C-alpha atoms as a PDB file:
ATOM      1  CA  MET A   1     109.487 250.582 -25.513  1.00  0.00           C
ATOM      2  CA  SER A   2     106.972 248.220 -23.972  1.00  0.00           C
ATOM      3  CA  GLY A   3     104.306 249.532 -21.628  1.00  0.00           C
ATOM      4  CA  ALA A   4     104.563 253.279 -22.194  1.00  0.00           C
ATOM      5  CA  GLY A   5     101.021 253.661 -23.502  1.00  0.00           C
ATOM      6  CA  CYS A   6      99.536 251.611 -20.691  1.00  0.00           C
ATOM      7  CA  VAL A   7     101.548 253.542 -18.096  1.00  0.00           C
ATOM      8  CA  PHE A   8     100.401 256.858 -19.566  1.00  0.00           C
ATOM      9  CA  ALA A   9      96.734 255.783 -19.595  1.00  0.00           C
ATOM     10  CA  ALA A  10      96.875 254.401 -16.056  1.00  0.00           C
ATOM     11  CA  ALA A  11      98.654 257.479 -14.689  1.00  0.00           C
ATOM     12  CA  THR A  12      96.122 259.782 -16.370  1.00  0.00           C
ATOM     13  CA  THR A  13      93.237 257.765 -14.935  1.00  0.00           C
ATOM     14  CA  ALA A  14      94.801 257.789 -11.471  1.00  0.00           C
ATOM     15  CA  GLU A  15      95.204 261.563 -11.530  1.00  0.00           C
ATOM     16  CA  LEU A  16      91.616 262.061 -12.721  1.00  0.00           C
ATOM     17  CA  THR A  17      90.411 259.773  -9.929  1.00  0.00           C
ATOM     18  CA  LYS A  18      92.306 261.933  -7.430  1.00  0.00           C
ATOM     19  CA  GLY A  19      90.344 264.957  -8.694  1.00  0.00           C
ATOM     20  CA  ALA A  20      92.803 266.590 -11.105  1.00  0.00           C
ATOM     21  CA  ASP A  21      91.394 268.342 -14.145  1.00  0.00           C
ATOM     22  CA  VAL A  22      92.143 266.756 -17.515  1.00  0.00           C
ATOM     23  CA  LEU A  23      95.043 269.042 -18.448  1.00  0.00           C
ATOM     24  CA  ASP A  24      96.821 268.595 -15.109  1.00  0.00           C
ATOM     25  CA  ALA A  25      96.196 264.841 -15.177  1.00  0.00           C
ATOM     26  CA  VAL A  26      97.761 264.529 -18.625  1.00  0.00           C
ATOM     27  CA  ARG A  27     100.733 266.700 -17.655  1.00  0.00           C
ATOM     28  CA  THR A  28     101.419 264.606 -14.572  1.00  0.00           C
ATOM     29  CA  ALA A  29     101.012 261.374 -16.540  1.00  0.00           C
ATOM     30  CA  LYS A  30     103.404 262.652 -19.206  1.00  0.00           C
ATOM     31  CA  GLU A  31     106.057 263.481 -16.601  1.00  0.00           C
ATOM     32  CA  TYR A  32     105.629 260.105 -14.876  1.00  0.00           C
ATOM     33  CA  THR A  33     105.773 258.185 -18.148  1.00  0.00           C
ATOM     34  CA  HIS A  34     108.811 260.154 -19.318  1.00  0.00           C
ATOM     35  CA  ARG A  35     110.696 259.322 -16.101  1.00  0.00           C
ATOM     36  CA  GLY A  36     109.814 255.662 -16.601  1.00  0.00           C
ATOM     37  CA  ILE A  37     111.109 255.721 -20.170  1.00  0.00           C
ATOM     38  CA  VAL A  38     114.337 257.464 -19.155  1.00  0.00           C
ATOM     39  CA  GLY A  39     114.883 254.853 -16.431  1.00  0.00           C
ATOM     40  CA  ARG A  40     113.764 251.975 -18.637  1.00  0.00           C
ATOM     41  CA  ILE A  41     114.719 248.396 -17.960  1.00  0.00           C
ATOM     42  CA  SER A  42     116.868 246.814 -20.643  1.00  0.00           C
ATOM     43  CA  SER A  43     116.088 243.261 -21.607  1.00  0.00           C
ATOM     44  CA  THR A  44     117.110 240.588 -24.064  1.00  0.00           C
ATOM     45  CA  ALA A  45     113.788 241.083 -25.865  1.00  0.00           C
ATOM     46  CA  PRO A  46     113.691 243.308 -28.947  1.00  0.00           C
ATOM     47  CA  PHE A  47     112.352 246.116 -26.741  1.00  0.00           C
ATOM     48  CA  ASP A  48     112.936 247.703 -23.320  1.00  0.00           C
ATOM     49  CA  ALA A  49     110.285 248.094 -20.607  1.00  0.00           C
ATOM     50  CA  VAL A  50     109.157 251.175 -18.701  1.00  0.00           C
ATOM     51  CA  TRP A  51     110.476 251.213 -15.136  1.00  0.00           C
ATOM     52  CA  HIS A  52     107.593 252.008 -12.767  1.00  0.00           C
ATOM     53  CA  GLY A  53     109.930 252.731  -9.869  1.00  0.00           C
ATOM     54  CA  GLN A  54     111.623 255.706 -11.530  1.00  0.00           C
ATOM     55  CA  GLN A  55     111.355 258.800  -9.321  1.00  0.00           C
END
C-alpha cells in the first residue's frame, strides 16, 4: 500500500490544525486512512495506492 503513512500523518496534522486534541485527531486520521485503504486504487505497480476520495 503506497501512501498510507503520508495520508495518516497529513490527516492527523489537519485535524490538529482544526483544533482537535491529539487523541481525536489520531482517531479521525485512522478512520480516514482506513477508508482510503479499503477503497484503494489498483495499479500495475507492485503495490496499490490509497484513494483520497473514499468517503
